[in-house]
Structure formats: C-alpha cells, structure tokens
N, C-alpha and C. Protein backbone atom coordinates (compact mmCIF):
# COMPACT_ATOMS: atom_id res chain seq x y z
N MET A 1 181.09 322.00 88.64
CA MET A 1 179.98 321.95 89.50
C MET A 1 178.66 321.79 89.02
N ILE A 2 178.78 322.28 87.85
CA ILE A 2 177.43 321.92 86.62
C ILE A 2 177.00 320.20 86.84
N ALA A 3 177.88 319.48 86.84
CA ALA A 3 177.25 318.15 86.62
C ALA A 3 177.24 318.27 88.35
N LEU A 4 177.52 318.20 89.04
CA LEU A 4 177.29 318.20 90.91
C LEU A 4 175.42 318.86 90.98
N GLY A 5 175.41 320.29 90.65
CA GLY A 5 174.14 320.85 90.64
C GLY A 5 173.28 319.93 89.89
N GLY A 6 174.05 319.15 88.96
CA GLY A 6 172.22 318.94 88.46
C GLY A 6 172.16 317.27 89.05
N GLY A 7 172.93 316.91 89.57
CA GLY A 7 172.78 315.41 90.60
C GLY A 7 171.57 315.80 91.54
N LEU A 8 172.40 316.78 92.11
CA LEU A 8 171.25 317.16 93.39
C LEU A 8 169.43 317.54 93.25
N GLY A 9 169.38 318.49 92.07
CA GLY A 9 168.91 319.12 91.42
C GLY A 9 167.94 317.20 91.13
N SER A 10 168.10 316.67 90.14
CA SER A 10 167.78 315.30 89.74
C SER A 10 167.62 314.09 91.07
N ILE A 11 168.11 314.07 92.22
CA ILE A 11 167.85 313.54 92.96
C ILE A 11 166.08 314.40 93.88
N ALA A 12 166.21 315.38 93.77
CA ALA A 12 165.19 316.02 94.37
C ALA A 12 163.93 315.44 93.46
N ARG A 13 164.05 315.86 91.78
CA ARG A 13 163.24 315.78 91.38
C ARG A 13 162.94 314.27 91.41
N TYR A 14 163.45 313.22 91.28
CA TYR A 14 163.42 311.59 91.52
C TYR A 14 162.44 311.44 92.45
N GLY A 15 162.88 312.28 93.65
CA GLY A 15 162.07 311.92 95.38
C GLY A 15 160.02 312.65 95.13
N LEU A 16 160.66 313.54 94.55
CA LEU A 16 159.05 314.09 93.99
C LEU A 16 158.07 313.19 93.65
N ALA A 17 158.70 313.04 92.67
CA ALA A 17 157.64 312.07 91.79
C ALA A 17 157.75 310.91 92.21
N ARG A 18 158.27 310.59 93.34
CA ARG A 18 157.78 309.30 94.21
C ARG A 18 156.86 309.57 94.65
N ALA A 19 157.03 310.40 95.12
CA ALA A 19 155.99 311.34 96.70
C ALA A 19 154.76 311.16 95.92
N VAL A 20 154.90 311.94 94.34
CA VAL A 20 153.40 312.24 93.51
C VAL A 20 153.28 311.24 92.11
N PRO A 21 153.25 310.02 92.74
CA PRO A 21 153.35 309.45 91.25
C PRO A 21 152.20 309.63 90.33
N THR A 22 152.16 309.71 89.38
CA THR A 22 150.95 309.58 88.52
C THR A 22 150.30 308.31 87.69
N PRO A 23 149.02 307.80 87.81
CA PRO A 23 148.48 306.75 87.95
C PRO A 23 148.71 306.93 86.19
N ALA A 24 148.33 305.83 85.54
CA ALA A 24 148.56 305.99 83.95
C ALA A 24 146.94 306.02 83.59
N GLY A 25 147.28 307.21 82.55
CA GLY A 25 146.05 308.39 82.22
C GLY A 25 145.92 309.33 82.86
N GLY A 26 146.60 309.37 83.52
CA GLY A 26 145.88 310.38 84.78
C GLY A 26 146.99 311.39 84.79
N PHE A 27 146.44 312.95 85.34
CA PHE A 27 147.17 314.04 85.19
C PHE A 27 148.58 313.65 85.55
N PRO A 28 149.58 314.32 85.10
CA PRO A 28 150.72 314.15 85.47
C PRO A 28 151.79 315.82 86.87
N TRP A 29 150.89 315.28 87.50
CA TRP A 29 150.88 316.30 88.80
C TRP A 29 152.53 316.07 89.11
N ALA A 30 153.25 315.62 89.18
CA ALA A 30 154.24 315.47 90.12
C ALA A 30 155.64 316.33 88.84
N THR A 31 154.93 316.25 87.68
CA THR A 31 155.68 316.86 86.88
C THR A 31 155.65 317.85 86.25
N LEU A 32 154.46 318.81 86.88
CA LEU A 32 153.64 319.53 86.53
C LEU A 32 154.09 320.61 87.58
N ILE A 33 154.27 320.59 89.13
CA ILE A 33 154.69 320.47 90.26
C ILE A 33 156.43 321.12 90.38
N THR A 34 156.92 319.75 90.02
CA THR A 34 158.51 320.11 90.19
C THR A 34 159.09 321.02 88.80
N ASN A 35 158.31 321.38 88.15
CA ASN A 35 158.85 322.59 86.79
C ASN A 35 158.47 323.93 87.33
N VAL A 36 157.80 323.80 87.93
CA VAL A 36 157.02 325.22 88.47
C VAL A 36 157.53 325.75 89.57
N VAL A 37 157.73 324.95 89.96
CA VAL A 37 158.54 324.79 91.20
C VAL A 37 159.92 325.30 91.60
N GLY A 38 160.72 324.38 89.76
CA GLY A 38 161.95 325.17 89.33
C GLY A 38 161.81 326.17 88.80
N CYS A 39 160.91 326.66 88.27
CA CYS A 39 160.77 328.20 87.46
C CYS A 39 160.54 328.87 88.80
N ALA A 40 160.34 329.09 89.35
CA ALA A 40 159.76 329.66 91.21
C ALA A 40 161.34 330.06 90.98
N VAL A 41 161.98 328.87 91.22
CA VAL A 41 163.34 329.09 92.00
C VAL A 41 164.38 330.05 90.97
N LEU A 42 164.36 329.51 89.87
CA LEU A 42 165.38 329.83 88.86
C LEU A 42 164.56 331.83 89.05
N GLY A 43 163.72 332.01 88.96
CA GLY A 43 163.66 333.64 88.47
C GLY A 43 164.08 333.73 89.97
N ALA A 44 163.14 333.17 91.01
CA ALA A 44 164.40 333.85 92.26
C ALA A 44 165.60 334.12 91.84
N LEU A 45 166.84 332.43 92.00
CA LEU A 45 168.15 332.75 91.69
C LEU A 45 168.68 333.88 90.84
N MET A 46 168.02 333.92 90.16
CA MET A 46 168.80 334.19 88.57
C MET A 46 168.54 336.24 88.90
N TYR A 47 167.38 336.76 89.90
CA TYR A 47 167.59 338.00 90.36
C TYR A 47 168.57 338.15 91.24
N LEU A 48 168.51 337.26 92.72
CA LEU A 48 170.10 336.96 93.74
C LEU A 48 171.18 337.27 92.81
N VAL A 49 171.73 336.20 91.88
CA VAL A 49 172.55 336.05 91.29
C VAL A 49 173.19 337.68 89.89
N LEU A 50 172.01 338.16 89.80
CA LEU A 50 172.27 339.49 88.88
C LEU A 50 172.61 340.53 90.04
N GLU A 51 171.65 340.82 90.32
CA GLU A 51 171.66 341.60 91.19
C GLU A 51 171.77 341.87 92.52
N VAL A 52 171.90 340.99 93.37
CA VAL A 52 172.47 341.10 94.75
C VAL A 52 173.36 340.55 94.60
N TRP A 53 173.85 339.14 94.44
CA TRP A 53 175.01 338.92 95.62
C TRP A 53 176.27 339.04 94.36
N PRO A 54 177.06 339.20 94.47
CA PRO A 54 178.67 339.57 94.58
C PRO A 54 178.87 338.51 93.47
N PRO A 55 179.90 338.68 92.49
CA PRO A 55 179.73 337.99 91.30
C PRO A 55 180.19 337.09 91.30
N SER A 56 180.29 335.59 91.25
CA SER A 56 181.30 334.46 91.04
C SER A 56 180.95 333.86 89.59
N ARG A 57 182.24 333.14 89.32
CA ARG A 57 181.96 332.67 87.95
C ARG A 57 181.12 331.30 88.19
N TYR A 58 181.02 330.30 89.71
CA TYR A 58 180.46 329.19 89.86
C TYR A 58 179.14 329.21 90.30
N ARG A 59 178.60 330.80 90.74
CA ARG A 59 177.35 329.85 91.64
C ARG A 59 175.61 329.74 90.69
N ARG A 60 175.95 330.80 89.08
CA ARG A 60 175.17 330.41 87.95
C ARG A 60 175.43 328.69 87.68
N PRO A 61 175.86 328.60 86.96
CA PRO A 61 176.10 327.64 86.52
C PRO A 61 176.27 326.48 87.52
N PHE A 62 176.25 326.66 88.80
CA PHE A 62 176.15 325.66 89.83
C PHE A 62 174.35 325.29 90.44
N LEU A 63 174.30 326.84 90.91
CA LEU A 63 172.35 326.21 90.86
C LEU A 63 171.34 326.26 89.44
N GLY A 64 171.76 327.44 88.83
CA GLY A 64 170.87 327.94 87.47
C GLY A 64 170.92 326.41 86.60
N VAL A 65 171.69 326.38 86.03
CA VAL A 65 172.25 325.19 84.80
C VAL A 65 171.92 324.01 85.08
N GLY A 66 172.26 323.95 86.74
CA GLY A 66 173.05 322.25 87.14
C GLY A 66 171.17 322.04 88.26
N VAL A 67 171.43 322.94 89.34
CA VAL A 67 170.02 322.36 89.99
C VAL A 67 168.95 322.36 89.65
N CYS A 68 168.53 323.34 89.18
CA CYS A 68 167.25 323.88 88.36
C CYS A 68 167.63 323.16 86.81
N GLY A 69 168.19 323.12 86.62
CA GLY A 69 168.12 322.38 84.94
C GLY A 69 168.25 320.67 85.62
N GLY A 70 168.79 320.52 86.49
CA GLY A 70 168.49 318.92 86.70
C GLY A 70 167.30 318.74 87.38
N PHE A 71 166.63 319.92 88.34
CA PHE A 71 165.27 319.80 88.63
C PHE A 71 163.58 319.64 87.88
N THR A 72 164.25 320.31 86.56
CA THR A 72 163.10 321.17 85.95
C THR A 72 163.07 320.04 84.90
N THR A 73 162.38 319.79 84.11
CA THR A 73 162.28 318.25 82.75
C THR A 73 161.18 318.29 82.03
N PHE A 74 161.92 319.65 81.08
CA PHE A 74 160.48 319.93 79.82
C PHE A 74 160.47 318.20 79.09
N SER A 75 161.46 317.21 78.58
CA SER A 75 161.22 316.77 77.99
C SER A 75 160.55 315.98 78.14
N THR A 76 160.24 315.46 79.79
CA THR A 76 159.00 314.25 80.74
C THR A 76 158.08 314.97 80.19
N ALA A 77 158.38 316.11 80.21
CA ALA A 77 156.25 316.92 80.03
C ALA A 77 155.33 316.75 78.93
N MET A 78 156.86 316.65 78.01
CA MET A 78 156.42 316.41 76.24
C MET A 78 155.80 314.85 76.12
N VAL A 79 156.34 313.91 76.91
CA VAL A 79 156.57 312.35 76.99
C VAL A 79 155.39 312.03 77.69
N GLU A 80 155.08 312.89 78.71
CA GLU A 80 154.04 312.07 79.49
C GLU A 80 152.81 313.57 78.70
N THR A 81 152.65 314.38 78.13
CA THR A 81 151.73 314.77 76.52
C THR A 81 151.36 314.00 75.70
N ARG A 82 152.73 313.65 75.43
CA ARG A 82 152.62 312.61 74.34
C ARG A 82 151.13 311.33 74.64
N GLY A 83 151.81 310.69 75.75
CA GLY A 83 151.09 309.62 76.31
C GLY A 83 149.57 309.79 76.62
N LEU A 84 149.22 311.45 76.80
CA LEU A 84 147.99 311.79 77.08
C LEU A 84 146.97 311.37 75.94
N ILE A 85 147.40 312.39 74.88
CA ILE A 85 147.04 311.86 73.55
C ILE A 85 146.80 310.88 73.22
N ALA A 86 148.19 310.43 73.02
CA ALA A 86 147.93 309.12 73.00
C ALA A 86 147.01 307.76 73.64
N GLY A 87 146.54 308.22 74.74
CA GLY A 87 145.16 307.75 75.59
C GLY A 87 143.94 308.69 74.95
N GLY A 88 143.95 309.00 73.91
CA GLY A 88 142.43 309.77 73.37
C GLY A 88 142.49 311.35 74.47
N LEU A 89 143.57 311.58 75.21
CA LEU A 89 142.88 312.53 76.46
C LEU A 89 143.44 313.74 76.09
N PHE A 90 142.72 314.62 74.93
CA PHE A 90 143.06 315.37 74.44
C PHE A 90 142.78 316.51 75.53
N GLY A 91 141.66 317.25 75.59
CA GLY A 91 141.51 318.01 76.27
C GLY A 91 142.65 318.03 77.75
N THR A 92 143.06 317.15 78.28
CA THR A 92 143.76 316.93 79.76
C THR A 92 145.42 317.22 78.84
N ALA A 93 145.10 316.54 77.73
CA ALA A 93 147.02 317.05 76.73
C ALA A 93 146.99 318.77 77.28
N GLY A 94 145.90 319.55 76.12
CA GLY A 94 146.13 320.69 76.34
C GLY A 94 146.45 321.52 77.17
N LEU A 95 145.16 320.94 78.38
CA LEU A 95 145.49 321.87 79.73
C LEU A 95 147.31 322.00 80.12
N TYR A 96 147.43 320.79 80.00
CA TYR A 96 149.19 320.31 80.76
C TYR A 96 150.27 321.03 80.20
N LEU A 97 149.92 320.80 78.75
CA LEU A 97 150.79 322.15 77.65
C LEU A 97 150.27 324.23 78.41
N LEU A 98 148.88 324.00 78.52
CA LEU A 98 148.90 325.58 79.18
C LEU A 98 149.27 325.41 80.22
N ALA A 99 148.60 324.99 81.00
CA ALA A 99 149.17 325.24 82.38
C ALA A 99 150.57 324.98 82.38
N SER A 100 151.11 324.07 82.28
CA SER A 100 153.18 324.09 81.98
C SER A 100 153.90 325.97 81.61
N VAL A 101 153.09 326.09 80.51
CA VAL A 101 153.94 327.83 79.81
C VAL A 101 153.31 327.82 80.90
N VAL A 102 151.82 328.34 81.19
CA VAL A 102 151.44 330.33 81.70
C VAL A 102 152.02 329.80 83.27
N LEU A 103 152.05 329.04 83.89
CA LEU A 103 152.40 328.77 85.21
C LEU A 103 153.97 328.53 85.12
N GLY A 104 154.80 328.64 84.73
CA GLY A 104 156.20 328.32 84.31
C GLY A 104 156.19 329.46 84.27
N LEU A 105 155.56 330.55 83.02
CA LEU A 105 156.47 331.96 83.37
C LEU A 105 155.87 333.07 84.44
N LEU A 106 154.54 332.75 85.26
CA LEU A 106 154.63 333.33 86.43
C LEU A 106 155.04 332.68 87.73
N ALA A 107 155.43 331.29 87.48
CA ALA A 107 156.33 331.40 88.68
C ALA A 107 157.90 331.88 88.48
N VAL A 108 158.32 331.80 87.22
CA VAL A 108 159.36 333.01 87.12
C VAL A 108 159.67 334.36 87.56
N LEU A 109 158.53 334.78 87.05
CA LEU A 109 157.97 336.14 87.91
C LEU A 109 157.54 336.48 89.13
N GLY A 110 157.13 335.47 89.62
CA GLY A 110 156.89 335.40 90.86
C GLY A 110 158.32 334.88 92.18
N GLY A 111 159.25 334.27 91.44
CA GLY A 111 160.13 334.25 91.76
C GLY A 111 161.07 335.30 91.83
N ALA A 112 161.25 335.98 90.85
CA ALA A 112 161.77 337.06 90.70
C ALA A 112 161.71 337.78 91.83
N ALA A 113 160.08 338.47 91.60
CA ALA A 113 159.27 339.54 92.89
C ALA A 113 159.75 339.44 94.05
N SER A 114 159.81 337.81 94.67
CA SER A 114 159.59 337.99 95.81
C SER A 114 161.15 337.81 96.31
N ALA A 115 162.01 337.26 95.25
CA ALA A 115 163.65 337.53 95.94
C ALA A 115 163.64 339.22 96.06
N ARG A 116 162.91 339.95 95.12
CA ARG A 116 163.26 341.50 95.29
C ARG A 116 162.71 342.00 95.64
N ALA A 117 161.45 341.44 96.42
CA ALA A 117 161.05 341.88 97.76
C ALA A 117 161.62 341.55 98.94
N LEU A 118 162.09 340.39 99.00
CA LEU A 118 162.66 340.09 100.43
C LEU A 118 164.46 340.65 100.57
N THR A 119 164.84 340.66 99.31
CA THR A 119 165.69 341.76 99.66
C THR A 119 166.09 343.39 99.50
N THR A 120 165.25 343.73 99.59
CA THR A 120 165.33 345.84 99.04
C THR A 120 166.15 345.63 100.15
N GLY A 121 167.00 347.08 99.32
CA GLY A 121 167.95 348.01 100.32
C GLY A 121 169.12 347.26 100.28
N ARG A 122 169.16 345.60 99.20
CA ARG A 122 170.44 345.12 99.49
C ARG A 122 171.43 344.57 98.05
N ARG A 123 170.73 345.16 97.16
CA ARG A 123 171.50 345.07 95.73
C ARG A 123 172.68 345.41 95.68
N ARG A 124 173.22 345.11 94.86
CA ARG A 124 174.78 345.01 94.32
C ARG A 124 175.01 346.10 93.61
N ASP A 125 176.44 346.89 93.44
CA ASP A 125 176.80 348.18 93.36
C ASP A 125 177.20 347.61 91.68
N HIS A 126 176.45 347.65 91.18
CA HIS A 126 177.72 347.24 89.50
C HIS A 126 178.34 348.80 88.80
N GLU A 127 178.02 349.70 89.47
CA GLU A 127 179.63 350.38 89.10
C GLU A 127 180.70 350.34 89.65
N ALA A 128 180.45 349.28 90.40
CA ALA A 128 181.43 349.04 91.50
C ALA A 128 182.17 347.97 90.97
N ASP A 129 181.36 347.08 90.28
CA ASP A 129 181.77 345.66 89.74
C ASP A 129 182.31 345.69 88.33
N ALA A 130 182.17 346.66 87.88
CA ALA A 130 182.63 347.43 86.33
C ALA A 130 184.28 348.24 86.69
N ALA A 131 184.46 348.60 87.41
CA ALA A 131 185.80 348.67 87.71
C ALA A 131 186.81 347.74 88.86
N GLU A 132 185.89 346.94 88.56
CA GLU A 132 186.53 345.24 89.48
C GLU A 132 187.30 344.53 88.28
N PRO A 133 187.83 343.64 88.22
CA PRO A 133 188.25 342.75 86.90
C PRO A 133 187.46 341.73 87.16
N GLU A 134 187.13 341.29 86.02
CA GLU A 134 186.05 340.14 85.46
C GLU A 134 186.12 338.90 86.20
N THR A 135 185.63 338.55 86.87
CA THR A 135 185.43 337.12 87.62
C THR A 135 184.94 335.75 86.62
N VAL A 136 183.93 336.40 85.51
CA VAL A 136 183.52 335.10 84.75
C VAL A 136 184.06 335.35 83.32
N PRO A 137 184.86 334.49 82.92
CA PRO A 137 185.17 334.68 81.62
C PRO A 137 184.60 334.90 80.99
N SER A 138 184.87 335.95 79.58
CA SER A 138 184.03 335.90 78.47
C SER A 138 183.33 335.33 77.90
N ALA A 139 182.91 335.67 76.32
CA ALA A 139 182.39 334.41 75.98
C ALA A 139 183.96 334.06 74.33
N GLU A 140 184.40 335.13 74.52
CA GLU A 140 185.75 335.20 73.90
C GLU A 140 186.81 333.56 73.95
N GLY A 141 187.02 333.89 75.33
CA GLY A 141 187.67 332.72 76.25
C GLY A 141 187.32 331.36 76.25
N GLN A 142 185.70 331.68 75.98
CA GLN A 142 185.23 330.33 75.56
C GLN A 142 185.41 329.67 74.73
N ARG A 143 185.35 327.71 74.05
CA ARG A 143 185.45 327.35 73.27
C ARG A 143 184.20 326.54 73.45
C-alpha cells in the first residue's frame, strides 16, 4: 500500500516540477509549492484519519506515508538550498529554508483546521473504537 501511494505521490510531484521548472540559479518554486501543498494535505488527512474516519489499518500508511511522502521532498529542498549557496545566493537560500519551514508548519495547521471546519459534527466516537477489537496492529506485533 505504501509503495503504491508513494508511486502516485511521486508522479504528482514530477508533474508539478515539469509544470513549474526552476531556472538555473532561480528560486525553486516547484519544490516549495509541492512541500507546502503536501503539508496542507497531510494536515487535513491526519485530522480525518485520527478524528473522523473509522479506524483502518491501510488508510494512514497509503495516504500519509505513501501519497504525501512520495509527493513531498525534503531532500530535494536541501539539494536546491545547497545549489543556491554554491551559487553565492545566500539570501535566497536563507529565504527558501525559512519559507519551507514556516509555510510548511502553517500549511499543516491550516490543513487540519480546514478539515475540522468541513467535518463539524462528524467526529468518530473514540469510546466506541476502544470497545471494538483493534484494527491496527500494535507496536508489539511489528518487527
């Protein structure tokens, strides 16, 4: 499930990178947009997975780790930052790092808040979940 989700996320990231190419020495808008959008989607998904949707052993790994993990790319952001520094664009590199962290965090918070606002009154009953058998394997059973 994770590999399938990762493949889908990676294809989406590739498409965005092709649509918004970064010229040599230019600001890496495609990666910044990708990571901020991915953070917003992950924030919304984690709210839905943990608070609204019924428990599922596959939903979080497929959507969160797979799709969002394949779509976002911290390593590319760091390679692009290194390239900006190597090109003497220290201010641009600093701005890119700061924007990545601040906008990413705001996007996670905004995504979760948006999901919460759109699903008012549709939260799942955690007490009922506790009474039912666990559908997600415990950490003890994993190796």
